[in-house]
């Protein structure tokens, strides 16, 4: 039985897992979950993720949820094939991968996700972007991006000079962020902009970018 990923490609969390699967050239089936009708809150999906959030991954008798746990699992299981996303033979580089992956989860995502929601998801739901939410998160994002810009003056990627899970986990949110009026926050930081061009040009992401449709006319 092959891997099954339950979710929606337009979802940042689902596409994070998909990018990792594509990097490792793993065959998998994307099983759509209709979150717009609340399918993710019904017992069949809740048996896979009791928190009712996409995605969930089934690999034989193993079921995982939380997209970053899924990418870590894929990177570890297939560490001998494709790019070395966890720097498996270098303890120091491996530790840096974990540091910057943690930064993405704890600092980058919490600041950037509300901005994406207000500019791209809220209009999809017929609501106006709420500037009282956007502005304080822009201030948070600027502080995080300043740290990234400084880091990327010394290395090509966040954990060193190789593309790793630390970079990969940033891709879906950054893609959507670049489709908001705040894109200049990355474009105006030259090292950060170069990093984004590098990681967003990878075939693993180019293969599915067409499906990340929030904020576009075909998002329905």
N, C-alpha and C. Protein backbone atom coordinates (compact mmCIF):
# COMPACT_ATOMS: atom_id res chain seq x y z
N UNK A 1 0.85 -1.20 0.00
CA UNK A 1 0.00 0.00 0.00
C UNK A 1 0.88 1.24 0.00
N UNK A 2 0.61 2.17 -0.92
CA UNK A 2 1.40 3.38 -1.00
C UNK A 2 0.95 4.42 0.02
N UNK A 3 1.69 5.49 0.09
CA UNK A 3 1.34 6.57 1.00
C UNK A 3 0.09 7.29 0.52
N UNK A 4 -0.73 7.69 1.47
CA UNK A 4 -1.89 8.53 1.18
C UNK A 4 -1.79 9.80 2.01
N UNK A 5 -1.94 10.93 1.34
CA UNK A 5 -1.94 12.22 2.02
C UNK A 5 -3.33 12.81 1.90
N UNK A 6 -3.96 13.02 3.04
CA UNK A 6 -5.32 13.55 3.08
C UNK A 6 -5.25 15.06 3.30
N UNK A 7 -5.81 15.83 2.36
CA UNK A 7 -5.78 17.27 2.50
C UNK A 7 -6.18 17.97 1.22
N UNK A 8 -5.74 19.21 1.08
CA UNK A 8 -6.01 20.01 -0.11
C UNK A 8 -4.71 20.69 -0.53
N UNK A 9 -4.39 20.60 -1.81
CA UNK A 9 -3.12 21.16 -2.27
C UNK A 9 -3.03 22.67 -2.05
N UNK A 10 -4.17 23.37 -2.05
CA UNK A 10 -4.13 24.83 -1.85
C UNK A 10 -3.78 25.21 -0.41
N UNK A 11 -3.89 24.24 0.50
CA UNK A 11 -3.58 24.48 1.91
C UNK A 11 -2.07 24.51 2.10
N UNK A 12 -1.59 25.50 2.85
CA UNK A 12 -0.15 25.60 3.08
C UNK A 12 0.39 24.35 3.78
N UNK A 13 -0.35 23.81 4.72
CA UNK A 13 0.15 22.67 5.47
C UNK A 13 0.19 21.40 4.61
N UNK A 14 -0.85 21.23 3.78
CA UNK A 14 -0.84 20.07 2.87
C UNK A 14 0.28 20.20 1.85
N UNK A 15 0.42 21.38 1.27
CA UNK A 15 1.44 21.55 0.23
C UNK A 15 2.85 21.46 0.80
N UNK A 16 3.03 21.80 2.08
CA UNK A 16 4.35 21.61 2.73
C UNK A 16 4.74 20.13 2.67
N UNK A 17 3.80 19.27 3.01
CA UNK A 17 4.07 17.83 2.95
C UNK A 17 4.29 17.38 1.51
N UNK A 18 3.52 17.93 0.59
CA UNK A 18 3.64 17.54 -0.82
C UNK A 18 5.00 17.92 -1.40
N UNK A 19 5.50 19.10 -1.06
CA UNK A 19 6.82 19.51 -1.55
C UNK A 19 7.87 18.51 -1.09
N UNK A 20 7.79 18.08 0.16
CA UNK A 20 8.76 17.12 0.69
C UNK A 20 8.65 15.78 -0.03
N UNK A 21 7.45 15.33 -0.26
CA UNK A 21 7.25 14.07 -0.99
C UNK A 21 7.81 14.17 -2.41
N UNK A 22 7.61 15.31 -3.06
CA UNK A 22 8.15 15.51 -4.41
C UNK A 22 9.68 15.57 -4.38
N UNK A 23 10.25 16.21 -3.37
CA UNK A 23 11.72 16.28 -3.27
C UNK A 23 12.31 14.86 -3.23
N UNK A 24 11.64 13.98 -2.52
CA UNK A 24 12.13 12.61 -2.37
C UNK A 24 11.60 11.68 -3.46
N UNK A 25 10.80 12.23 -4.37
CA UNK A 25 10.23 11.46 -5.48
C UNK A 25 9.48 10.23 -4.98
N UNK A 26 8.70 10.44 -3.93
CA UNK A 26 7.90 9.38 -3.33
C UNK A 26 6.54 9.32 -4.01
N UNK A 27 6.12 8.14 -4.40
CA UNK A 27 4.77 7.98 -4.95
C UNK A 27 3.76 8.08 -3.80
N UNK A 28 2.76 8.90 -4.01
CA UNK A 28 1.71 9.02 -3.00
C UNK A 28 0.41 9.40 -3.68
N UNK A 29 -0.66 9.17 -2.96
CA UNK A 29 -1.99 9.56 -3.45
C UNK A 29 -2.49 10.72 -2.61
N UNK A 30 -2.87 11.81 -3.26
CA UNK A 30 -3.51 12.92 -2.54
C UNK A 30 -5.01 12.64 -2.49
N UNK A 31 -5.52 12.47 -1.28
CA UNK A 31 -6.94 12.19 -1.09
C UNK A 31 -7.61 13.49 -0.66
N UNK A 32 -8.41 14.11 -1.53
CA UNK A 32 -9.00 15.41 -1.19
C UNK A 32 -9.92 15.34 0.03
N UNK A 33 -9.80 16.34 0.88
CA UNK A 33 -10.68 16.50 2.04
C UNK A 33 -11.43 17.81 1.86
N UNK A 34 -12.73 17.75 1.80
CA UNK A 34 -13.54 18.94 1.52
C UNK A 34 -13.73 19.75 2.81
N UNK A 35 -12.76 20.61 3.09
CA UNK A 35 -12.84 21.41 4.32
C UNK A 35 -13.96 22.45 4.24
N UNK A 36 -14.36 22.81 3.02
CA UNK A 36 -15.40 23.84 2.87
C UNK A 36 -16.77 23.32 3.29
N UNK A 37 -16.94 22.01 3.24
CA UNK A 37 -18.19 21.43 3.73
C UNK A 37 -18.02 20.82 5.12
N UNK A 38 -16.81 20.96 5.70
CA UNK A 38 -16.56 20.48 7.06
C UNK A 38 -16.20 19.01 7.15
N UNK A 39 -15.76 18.42 6.04
CA UNK A 39 -15.42 17.00 6.06
C UNK A 39 -14.31 16.67 7.07
N UNK A 40 -13.43 17.66 7.31
CA UNK A 40 -12.32 17.43 8.25
C UNK A 40 -12.76 17.37 9.70
N UNK A 41 -14.02 17.72 9.95
CA UNK A 41 -14.54 17.66 11.32
C UNK A 41 -15.44 16.45 11.55
N UNK A 42 -15.52 15.56 10.56
CA UNK A 42 -16.38 14.38 10.66
C UNK A 42 -15.55 13.16 11.09
N UNK A 43 -16.23 12.15 11.68
CA UNK A 43 -15.51 11.00 12.25
C UNK A 43 -14.50 10.31 11.33
N UNK A 44 -14.76 10.10 10.03
CA UNK A 44 -13.74 9.41 9.22
C UNK A 44 -12.40 10.13 9.21
N UNK A 45 -12.42 11.47 9.10
CA UNK A 45 -11.15 12.18 9.11
C UNK A 45 -10.62 12.34 10.54
N UNK A 46 -11.49 12.53 11.49
CA UNK A 46 -11.06 12.68 12.89
C UNK A 46 -10.34 11.42 13.39
N UNK A 47 -10.60 10.29 12.76
CA UNK A 47 -9.89 9.07 13.13
C UNK A 47 -8.43 9.14 12.69
N UNK A 48 -8.14 10.03 11.75
CA UNK A 48 -6.77 10.22 11.28
C UNK A 48 -6.09 11.37 12.01
N UNK A 49 -6.83 12.44 12.26
CA UNK A 49 -6.33 13.55 13.07
C UNK A 49 -7.44 14.02 14.00
N UNK A 50 -7.35 13.69 15.27
CA UNK A 50 -8.42 14.03 16.21
C UNK A 50 -8.62 15.53 16.39
N UNK A 51 -7.65 16.34 15.92
CA UNK A 51 -7.80 17.80 16.01
C UNK A 51 -8.55 18.37 14.81
N UNK A 52 -8.85 17.53 13.84
CA UNK A 52 -9.66 17.98 12.71
C UNK A 52 -8.99 19.00 11.82
N UNK A 53 -7.69 18.83 11.59
CA UNK A 53 -6.93 19.74 10.73
C UNK A 53 -6.20 18.94 9.66
N UNK A 54 -6.18 19.47 8.44
CA UNK A 54 -5.42 18.82 7.38
C UNK A 54 -3.97 19.31 7.41
N UNK A 55 -3.02 18.45 6.97
CA UNK A 55 -3.21 17.14 6.35
C UNK A 55 -3.05 16.01 7.38
N UNK A 56 -3.28 14.80 6.87
CA UNK A 56 -2.92 13.58 7.59
C UNK A 56 -2.24 12.66 6.58
N UNK A 57 -1.28 11.87 7.05
CA UNK A 57 -0.54 10.96 6.19
C UNK A 57 -0.74 9.54 6.68
N UNK A 58 -1.07 8.65 5.75
CA UNK A 58 -1.12 7.22 6.06
C UNK A 58 -0.01 6.52 5.29
N UNK A 59 0.83 5.79 6.02
CA UNK A 59 1.90 5.00 5.42
C UNK A 59 1.81 3.61 6.03
N UNK A 60 1.13 2.70 5.29
CA UNK A 60 0.81 1.37 5.83
C UNK A 60 0.04 1.52 7.14
N UNK A 61 0.60 1.02 8.25
CA UNK A 61 -0.15 1.06 9.51
C UNK A 61 0.15 2.31 10.34
N UNK A 62 0.93 3.23 9.77
CA UNK A 62 1.27 4.47 10.50
C UNK A 62 0.41 5.62 9.99
N UNK A 63 -0.18 6.36 10.93
CA UNK A 63 -0.93 7.57 10.58
C UNK A 63 -0.32 8.75 11.31
N UNK A 64 0.01 9.78 10.56
CA UNK A 64 0.62 10.98 11.13
C UNK A 64 -0.22 12.20 10.81
N UNK A 65 -0.17 13.19 11.69
CA UNK A 65 -0.70 14.52 11.38
C UNK A 65 0.32 15.53 11.84
N UNK A 66 0.06 16.81 11.59
CA UNK A 66 1.01 17.93 11.76
C UNK A 66 2.03 17.89 10.61
N UNK A 67 1.93 18.88 9.74
CA UNK A 67 2.69 18.85 8.49
C UNK A 67 4.20 18.81 8.71
N UNK A 68 4.69 19.48 9.73
CA UNK A 68 6.14 19.49 9.96
C UNK A 68 6.62 18.14 10.48
N UNK A 69 5.78 17.45 11.23
CA UNK A 69 6.12 16.09 11.66
C UNK A 69 6.13 15.16 10.44
N UNK A 70 5.23 15.42 9.51
CA UNK A 70 5.18 14.61 8.29
C UNK A 70 6.43 14.84 7.44
N UNK A 71 6.84 16.10 7.27
CA UNK A 71 8.04 16.35 6.46
C UNK A 71 9.27 15.75 7.13
N UNK A 72 9.34 15.82 8.46
CA UNK A 72 10.48 15.24 9.17
C UNK A 72 10.52 13.72 8.99
N UNK A 73 9.36 13.10 9.02
CA UNK A 73 9.27 11.65 8.83
C UNK A 73 9.73 11.26 7.42
N UNK A 74 9.24 11.98 6.43
CA UNK A 74 9.60 11.67 5.04
C UNK A 74 11.10 11.87 4.83
N UNK A 75 11.63 12.98 5.36
CA UNK A 75 13.06 13.27 5.20
C UNK A 75 13.92 12.19 5.86
N UNK A 76 13.46 11.67 6.99
CA UNK A 76 14.20 10.62 7.69
C UNK A 76 14.04 9.27 7.00
N UNK A 77 12.82 8.91 6.65
CA UNK A 77 12.57 7.60 6.03
C UNK A 77 13.34 7.45 4.72
N UNK A 78 13.38 8.55 3.96
CA UNK A 78 14.03 8.50 2.64
C UNK A 78 15.35 9.26 2.64
N UNK A 79 16.06 9.20 3.75
CA UNK A 79 17.29 9.98 3.88
C UNK A 79 18.39 9.54 2.91
N UNK A 80 18.28 8.33 2.39
CA UNK A 80 19.31 7.85 1.47
C UNK A 80 19.00 8.20 0.01
N UNK A 81 17.82 8.76 -0.25
CA UNK A 81 17.46 9.10 -1.63
C UNK A 81 17.15 10.59 -1.74
N UNK A 82 17.44 11.15 -2.92
CA UNK A 82 17.15 12.56 -3.14
C UNK A 82 18.05 13.46 -2.30
N UNK A 83 17.71 14.73 -2.20
CA UNK A 83 18.53 15.67 -1.43
C UNK A 83 18.53 15.33 0.05
N UNK A 84 19.65 15.59 0.69
CA UNK A 84 19.79 15.32 2.13
C UNK A 84 19.16 16.48 2.90
N UNK A 85 17.90 16.33 3.23
CA UNK A 85 17.14 17.41 3.87
C UNK A 85 17.42 17.54 5.36
N UNK A 86 18.11 16.56 5.95
CA UNK A 86 18.36 16.61 7.40
C UNK A 86 19.85 16.61 7.73
N UNK A 87 20.72 16.67 6.71
CA UNK A 87 22.19 16.66 6.90
C UNK A 87 22.59 15.52 7.83
N UNK A 88 22.22 14.32 7.41
CA UNK A 88 22.26 13.13 8.26
C UNK A 88 23.65 12.76 8.77
N UNK A 89 24.70 13.14 8.04
CA UNK A 89 26.05 12.73 8.43
C UNK A 89 26.86 13.83 9.12
N UNK A 90 26.19 14.93 9.45
CA UNK A 90 26.90 16.04 10.06
C UNK A 90 26.09 16.55 11.25
N UNK A 91 26.54 16.23 12.45
CA UNK A 91 25.76 16.55 13.66
C UNK A 91 25.52 18.05 13.81
N UNK A 92 26.53 18.85 13.47
CA UNK A 92 26.37 20.30 13.63
C UNK A 92 25.36 20.85 12.63
N UNK A 93 25.48 20.43 11.37
CA UNK A 93 24.54 20.92 10.36
C UNK A 93 23.13 20.40 10.64
N UNK A 94 23.05 19.15 11.10
CA UNK A 94 21.75 18.58 11.44
C UNK A 94 21.08 19.38 12.56
N UNK A 95 21.88 19.80 13.52
CA UNK A 95 21.35 20.62 14.63
C UNK A 95 20.85 21.96 14.11
N UNK A 96 21.56 22.55 13.16
CA UNK A 96 21.13 23.83 12.59
C UNK A 96 19.85 23.69 11.78
N UNK A 97 19.69 22.55 11.12
CA UNK A 97 18.43 22.29 10.42
C UNK A 97 17.28 22.33 11.43
N UNK A 98 17.49 21.70 12.57
CA UNK A 98 16.42 21.67 13.59
C UNK A 98 16.17 23.07 14.16
N UNK A 99 17.24 23.83 14.36
CA UNK A 99 17.07 25.20 14.88
C UNK A 99 16.20 26.02 13.94
N UNK A 100 16.56 26.04 12.66
CA UNK A 100 15.84 26.93 11.73
C UNK A 100 14.46 26.39 11.36
N UNK A 101 14.29 25.08 11.44
CA UNK A 101 12.95 24.53 11.28
C UNK A 101 12.06 24.96 12.45
N UNK A 102 12.66 25.02 13.63
CA UNK A 102 11.93 25.48 14.82
C UNK A 102 11.59 26.96 14.71
N UNK A 103 12.51 27.74 14.18
CA UNK A 103 12.25 29.18 13.98
C UNK A 103 11.06 29.38 13.04
N UNK A 104 11.02 28.58 11.98
CA UNK A 104 9.88 28.68 11.05
C UNK A 104 8.57 28.43 11.78
N UNK A 105 8.55 27.39 12.59
CA UNK A 105 7.33 27.00 13.28
C UNK A 105 6.92 27.98 14.37
N UNK A 106 7.92 28.49 15.12
CA UNK A 106 7.62 29.29 16.32
C UNK A 106 7.61 30.80 16.08
N UNK A 107 8.33 31.28 15.08
CA UNK A 107 8.44 32.73 14.88
C UNK A 107 7.91 33.19 13.52
N UNK A 108 8.29 32.47 12.47
CA UNK A 108 7.91 32.89 11.11
C UNK A 108 6.42 32.64 10.84
N UNK A 109 6.00 31.41 11.02
CA UNK A 109 4.62 31.05 10.72
C UNK A 109 3.59 31.85 11.54
N UNK A 110 3.77 32.02 12.87
CA UNK A 110 2.76 32.75 13.63
C UNK A 110 2.61 34.21 13.21
N UNK A 111 3.68 34.81 12.67
CA UNK A 111 3.60 36.21 12.24
C UNK A 111 3.05 36.34 10.83
N UNK A 112 3.40 35.40 9.97
CA UNK A 112 3.06 35.54 8.56
C UNK A 112 1.67 34.99 8.23
N UNK A 113 1.25 33.96 8.95
CA UNK A 113 -0.04 33.33 8.64
C UNK A 113 -1.24 34.26 8.79
N UNK A 114 -1.30 35.12 9.84
CA UNK A 114 -2.44 36.02 9.94
C UNK A 114 -2.51 37.02 8.78
N UNK A 115 -1.36 37.43 8.27
CA UNK A 115 -1.33 38.36 7.13
C UNK A 115 -1.88 37.67 5.88
N UNK A 116 -1.45 36.44 5.66
CA UNK A 116 -1.94 35.66 4.52
C UNK A 116 -3.45 35.47 4.65
N UNK A 117 -3.89 35.16 5.85
CA UNK A 117 -5.32 34.93 6.07
C UNK A 117 -6.13 36.18 5.72
N UNK A 118 -5.69 37.32 6.24
CA UNK A 118 -6.47 38.54 6.04
C UNK A 118 -6.49 38.98 4.57
N UNK A 119 -5.38 38.86 3.88
CA UNK A 119 -5.32 39.35 2.51
C UNK A 119 -5.86 38.35 1.48
N UNK A 120 -5.73 37.07 1.74
CA UNK A 120 -6.08 36.09 0.71
C UNK A 120 -7.27 35.21 1.08
N UNK A 121 -7.36 34.79 2.34
CA UNK A 121 -8.43 33.87 2.72
C UNK A 121 -9.71 34.63 3.08
N UNK A 122 -9.59 35.72 3.83
CA UNK A 122 -10.78 36.48 4.23
C UNK A 122 -11.61 36.94 3.02
N UNK A 123 -10.98 37.52 1.97
CA UNK A 123 -11.77 37.90 0.79
C UNK A 123 -12.44 36.69 0.12
N UNK A 124 -11.77 35.55 0.13
CA UNK A 124 -12.34 34.30 -0.39
C UNK A 124 -13.63 33.97 0.36
N UNK A 125 -13.68 34.37 1.64
CA UNK A 125 -14.86 34.11 2.47
C UNK A 125 -15.82 35.30 2.49
N UNK A 126 -15.55 36.30 1.64
CA UNK A 126 -16.43 37.45 1.54
C UNK A 126 -16.22 38.52 2.58
N UNK A 127 -15.03 38.51 3.23
CA UNK A 127 -14.74 39.50 4.27
C UNK A 127 -13.62 40.44 3.81
N UNK A 128 -13.59 41.62 4.40
CA UNK A 128 -12.53 42.58 4.11
C UNK A 128 -11.30 42.28 4.97
N UNK A 129 -10.10 42.50 4.43
CA UNK A 129 -8.89 42.35 5.27
C UNK A 129 -8.94 43.28 6.48
N UNK A 130 -8.59 42.77 7.63
CA UNK A 130 -8.65 43.51 8.88
C UNK A 130 -7.28 44.10 9.18
N UNK A 131 -7.14 45.42 8.97
CA UNK A 131 -5.84 46.06 9.16
C UNK A 131 -5.38 46.03 10.62
N UNK A 132 -6.31 45.91 11.54
CA UNK A 132 -5.93 45.86 12.96
C UNK A 132 -5.23 44.54 13.28
N UNK A 133 -5.45 43.53 12.46
CA UNK A 133 -4.73 42.26 12.58
C UNK A 133 -3.43 42.32 11.78
N UNK A 134 -3.51 42.88 10.59
CA UNK A 134 -2.37 42.89 9.67
C UNK A 134 -1.19 43.69 10.23
N UNK A 135 -1.46 44.90 10.72
CA UNK A 135 -0.36 45.79 11.07
C UNK A 135 0.55 45.27 12.17
N UNK A 136 0.00 44.80 13.30
CA UNK A 136 0.92 44.28 14.33
C UNK A 136 1.71 43.07 13.86
N UNK A 137 1.13 42.28 12.95
CA UNK A 137 1.86 41.12 12.46
C UNK A 137 2.92 41.53 11.44
N UNK A 138 2.71 42.61 10.71
CA UNK A 138 3.77 43.14 9.85
C UNK A 138 4.98 43.53 10.70
N UNK A 139 4.72 44.15 11.84
CA UNK A 139 5.82 44.53 12.74
C UNK A 139 6.58 43.30 13.22
N UNK A 140 5.84 42.23 13.53
CA UNK A 140 6.49 40.98 13.95
C UNK A 140 7.29 40.37 12.81
N UNK A 141 6.70 40.36 11.61
CA UNK A 141 7.37 39.77 10.45
C UNK A 141 8.68 40.50 10.15
N UNK A 142 8.66 41.83 10.23
CA UNK A 142 9.87 42.60 9.92
C UNK A 142 11.03 42.18 10.82
N UNK A 143 10.74 41.96 12.10
CA UNK A 143 11.80 41.56 13.03
C UNK A 143 12.37 40.19 12.67
N UNK A 144 11.48 39.28 12.30
CA UNK A 144 11.93 37.94 11.91
C UNK A 144 12.74 38.01 10.62
N UNK A 145 12.24 38.78 9.65
CA UNK A 145 12.92 38.86 8.36
C UNK A 145 14.28 39.54 8.47
N UNK A 146 14.41 40.46 9.41
CA UNK A 146 15.73 41.07 9.65
C UNK A 146 16.74 40.02 10.11
N UNK A 147 16.28 39.12 10.96
CA UNK A 147 17.16 38.04 11.44
C UNK A 147 17.53 37.13 10.26
N UNK A 148 16.55 36.80 9.43
CA UNK A 148 16.82 35.94 8.27
C UNK A 148 17.80 36.61 7.32
N UNK A 149 17.60 37.89 7.06
CA UNK A 149 18.49 38.61 6.13
C UNK A 149 19.93 38.57 6.63
N UNK A 150 20.10 38.78 7.92
CA UNK A 150 21.44 38.73 8.50
C UNK A 150 22.02 37.33 8.39
N UNK A 151 21.23 36.33 8.69
CA UNK A 151 21.69 34.94 8.60
C UNK A 151 22.13 34.61 7.17
N UNK A 152 21.36 35.07 6.19
CA UNK A 152 21.62 34.70 4.80
C UNK A 152 22.75 35.52 4.16
N UNK A 153 23.35 36.41 4.92
CA UNK A 153 24.57 37.07 4.42
C UNK A 153 25.77 36.13 4.52
N UNK A 154 25.66 35.08 5.33
CA UNK A 154 26.80 34.18 5.55
C UNK A 154 26.59 32.80 4.96
N UNK A 155 25.35 32.43 4.66
CA UNK A 155 25.06 31.11 4.08
C UNK A 155 24.02 31.26 2.98
N UNK A 156 24.01 30.34 2.05
CA UNK A 156 23.04 30.41 0.95
C UNK A 156 21.65 30.00 1.42
N UNK A 157 21.62 29.06 2.35
CA UNK A 157 20.36 28.56 2.89
C UNK A 157 20.38 28.73 4.41
N UNK A 158 19.24 28.52 5.05
CA UNK A 158 19.14 28.86 6.46
C UNK A 158 20.05 28.03 7.36
N UNK A 159 20.19 26.74 7.06
CA UNK A 159 20.99 25.89 7.93
C UNK A 159 22.42 25.73 7.43
N UNK A 160 22.76 26.37 6.33
CA UNK A 160 24.10 26.24 5.77
C UNK A 160 24.07 26.44 4.27
N UNK A 161 24.92 25.74 3.55
CA UNK A 161 25.00 25.93 2.11
C UNK A 161 24.28 24.84 1.33
N UNK A 162 23.40 24.10 2.01
CA UNK A 162 22.58 23.09 1.36
C UNK A 162 21.11 23.35 1.64
N UNK A 163 20.26 23.05 0.66
CA UNK A 163 18.81 23.12 0.84
C UNK A 163 18.37 22.01 1.78
N UNK A 164 17.65 22.37 2.83
CA UNK A 164 17.22 21.39 3.83
C UNK A 164 15.75 21.61 4.20
N UNK A 165 15.32 20.78 5.13
CA UNK A 165 13.97 20.88 5.66
C UNK A 165 13.69 22.28 6.23
N UNK A 166 14.72 22.91 6.76
CA UNK A 166 14.54 24.25 7.32
C UNK A 166 14.05 25.23 6.27
N UNK A 167 14.54 25.10 5.05
CA UNK A 167 14.08 25.96 3.95
C UNK A 167 12.73 25.47 3.42
N UNK A 168 12.65 24.18 3.20
CA UNK A 168 11.45 23.59 2.59
C UNK A 168 10.19 23.97 3.36
N UNK A 169 10.25 23.91 4.69
CA UNK A 169 9.05 24.18 5.48
C UNK A 169 8.52 25.59 5.29
N UNK A 170 9.36 26.50 4.79
CA UNK A 170 8.94 27.89 4.57
C UNK A 170 8.17 28.11 3.26
N UNK A 171 8.26 27.17 2.34
CA UNK A 171 7.87 27.47 0.96
C UNK A 171 6.40 27.86 0.80
N UNK A 172 5.43 27.07 1.27
CA UNK A 172 4.03 27.43 0.97
C UNK A 172 3.60 28.78 1.54
N UNK A 173 3.93 29.04 2.82
CA UNK A 173 3.55 30.33 3.41
C UNK A 173 4.21 31.49 2.68
N UNK A 174 5.48 31.33 2.32
CA UNK A 174 6.18 32.43 1.66
C UNK A 174 5.59 32.68 0.27
N UNK A 175 5.20 31.62 -0.41
CA UNK A 175 4.56 31.78 -1.72
C UNK A 175 3.31 32.65 -1.60
N UNK A 176 2.47 32.33 -0.65
CA UNK A 176 1.24 33.12 -0.47
C UNK A 176 1.57 34.55 -0.02
N UNK A 177 2.54 34.66 0.88
CA UNK A 177 2.94 36.00 1.36
C UNK A 177 3.38 36.88 0.20
N UNK A 178 4.05 36.29 -0.78
CA UNK A 178 4.53 37.05 -1.94
C UNK A 178 3.39 37.47 -2.86
N UNK A 179 2.19 36.96 -2.60
CA UNK A 179 1.01 37.37 -3.35
C UNK A 179 0.14 38.36 -2.56
N UNK A 180 0.68 38.88 -1.47
CA UNK A 180 0.00 39.92 -0.70
C UNK A 180 0.69 41.26 -0.95
N UNK A 181 0.09 42.36 -0.50
CA UNK A 181 0.74 43.67 -0.65
C UNK A 181 2.03 43.81 0.18
N UNK A 182 2.36 42.80 0.96
CA UNK A 182 3.54 42.85 1.83
C UNK A 182 4.78 42.22 1.19
N UNK A 183 4.69 41.82 -0.07
CA UNK A 183 5.80 41.11 -0.72
C UNK A 183 7.10 41.92 -0.68
N UNK A 184 6.98 43.23 -0.64
CA UNK A 184 8.19 44.07 -0.62
C UNK A 184 9.05 43.81 0.62
N UNK A 185 8.46 43.29 1.68
CA UNK A 185 9.24 43.00 2.89
C UNK A 185 10.31 41.94 2.62
N UNK A 186 10.06 41.10 1.65
CA UNK A 186 11.07 40.13 1.22
C UNK A 186 11.88 40.69 0.06
N UNK A 187 11.22 41.29 -0.90
CA UNK A 187 11.93 41.79 -2.08
C UNK A 187 12.95 42.87 -1.76
N UNK A 188 12.71 43.62 -0.69
CA UNK A 188 13.62 44.71 -0.31
C UNK A 188 14.82 44.23 0.51
N UNK A 189 14.85 42.95 0.82
CA UNK A 189 15.98 42.37 1.55
C UNK A 189 16.72 41.44 0.58
N UNK A 190 17.84 41.89 0.03
CA UNK A 190 18.44 41.21 -1.13
C UNK A 190 18.82 39.76 -0.89
N UNK A 191 19.36 39.44 0.27
CA UNK A 191 19.75 38.05 0.53
C UNK A 191 18.52 37.16 0.71
N UNK A 192 17.52 37.71 1.35
CA UNK A 192 16.27 36.99 1.54
C UNK A 192 15.58 36.76 0.19
N UNK A 193 15.59 37.77 -0.65
CA UNK A 193 14.98 37.64 -1.97
C UNK A 193 15.68 36.56 -2.79
N UNK A 194 17.01 36.55 -2.75
CA UNK A 194 17.78 35.55 -3.49
C UNK A 194 17.46 34.14 -2.97
N UNK A 195 17.38 34.01 -1.65
CA UNK A 195 17.01 32.72 -1.04
C UNK A 195 15.64 32.27 -1.53
N UNK A 196 14.68 33.18 -1.54
CA UNK A 196 13.33 32.82 -1.97
C UNK A 196 13.32 32.40 -3.44
N UNK A 197 14.03 33.10 -4.28
CA UNK A 197 14.11 32.72 -5.70
C UNK A 197 14.68 31.32 -5.84
N UNK A 198 15.72 31.01 -5.07
CA UNK A 198 16.33 29.68 -5.12
C UNK A 198 15.33 28.60 -4.72
N UNK A 199 14.72 28.77 -3.55
CA UNK A 199 13.91 27.66 -3.04
C UNK A 199 12.58 27.54 -3.78
N UNK A 200 12.04 28.63 -4.27
CA UNK A 200 10.75 28.56 -4.98
C UNK A 200 10.91 28.09 -6.42
N UNK A 201 12.16 28.00 -6.89
CA UNK A 201 12.42 27.54 -8.26
C UNK A 201 12.61 26.03 -8.33
N UNK A 202 12.62 25.36 -7.20
CA UNK A 202 12.86 23.92 -7.21
C UNK A 202 11.69 23.19 -7.87
N UNK A 203 11.98 22.17 -8.67
CA UNK A 203 10.91 21.43 -9.35
C UNK A 203 9.85 20.88 -8.41
N UNK A 204 10.25 20.51 -7.19
CA UNK A 204 9.30 19.96 -6.22
C UNK A 204 8.15 20.92 -5.95
N UNK A 205 8.44 22.22 -5.99
CA UNK A 205 7.41 23.22 -5.76
C UNK A 205 6.77 23.66 -7.07
N UNK A 206 7.58 23.82 -8.12
CA UNK A 206 7.02 24.25 -9.40
C UNK A 206 5.94 23.28 -9.88
N UNK A 207 6.08 22.01 -9.51
CA UNK A 207 5.11 21.00 -9.93
C UNK A 207 3.73 21.20 -9.32
N UNK A 208 3.66 21.91 -8.20
CA UNK A 208 2.35 22.03 -7.55
C UNK A 208 1.91 23.48 -7.29
N UNK A 209 2.75 24.44 -7.69
CA UNK A 209 2.42 25.83 -7.39
C UNK A 209 1.09 26.24 -8.01
N UNK A 210 0.73 25.63 -9.13
CA UNK A 210 -0.52 25.98 -9.80
C UNK A 210 -1.75 25.69 -8.91
N UNK A 211 -1.56 24.82 -7.92
CA UNK A 211 -2.69 24.43 -7.07
C UNK A 211 -2.87 25.36 -5.88
N UNK A 212 -1.88 26.23 -5.62
CA UNK A 212 -1.98 27.15 -4.47
C UNK A 212 -2.72 28.40 -4.93
N UNK A 213 -4.05 28.31 -4.88
CA UNK A 213 -4.89 29.25 -5.60
C UNK A 213 -5.61 30.28 -4.74
N UNK A 214 -5.40 30.27 -3.43
CA UNK A 214 -6.05 31.32 -2.64
C UNK A 214 -5.60 32.69 -3.13
N UNK A 215 -6.55 33.62 -3.23
CA UNK A 215 -6.20 34.96 -3.67
C UNK A 215 -6.21 35.13 -5.17
N UNK A 216 -6.52 34.07 -5.90
CA UNK A 216 -6.59 34.17 -7.35
C UNK A 216 -8.04 33.99 -7.78
N UNK A 217 -8.32 34.39 -9.00
CA UNK A 217 -9.69 34.34 -9.50
C UNK A 217 -10.22 32.92 -9.60
N UNK A 218 -9.32 31.95 -9.74
CA UNK A 218 -9.77 30.57 -9.87
C UNK A 218 -9.78 29.84 -8.53
N UNK A 219 -9.78 30.62 -7.42
CA UNK A 219 -9.69 29.98 -6.12
C UNK A 219 -10.97 29.27 -5.73
N UNK A 220 -12.05 29.49 -6.44
CA UNK A 220 -13.25 28.75 -6.15
C UNK A 220 -13.23 27.40 -6.87
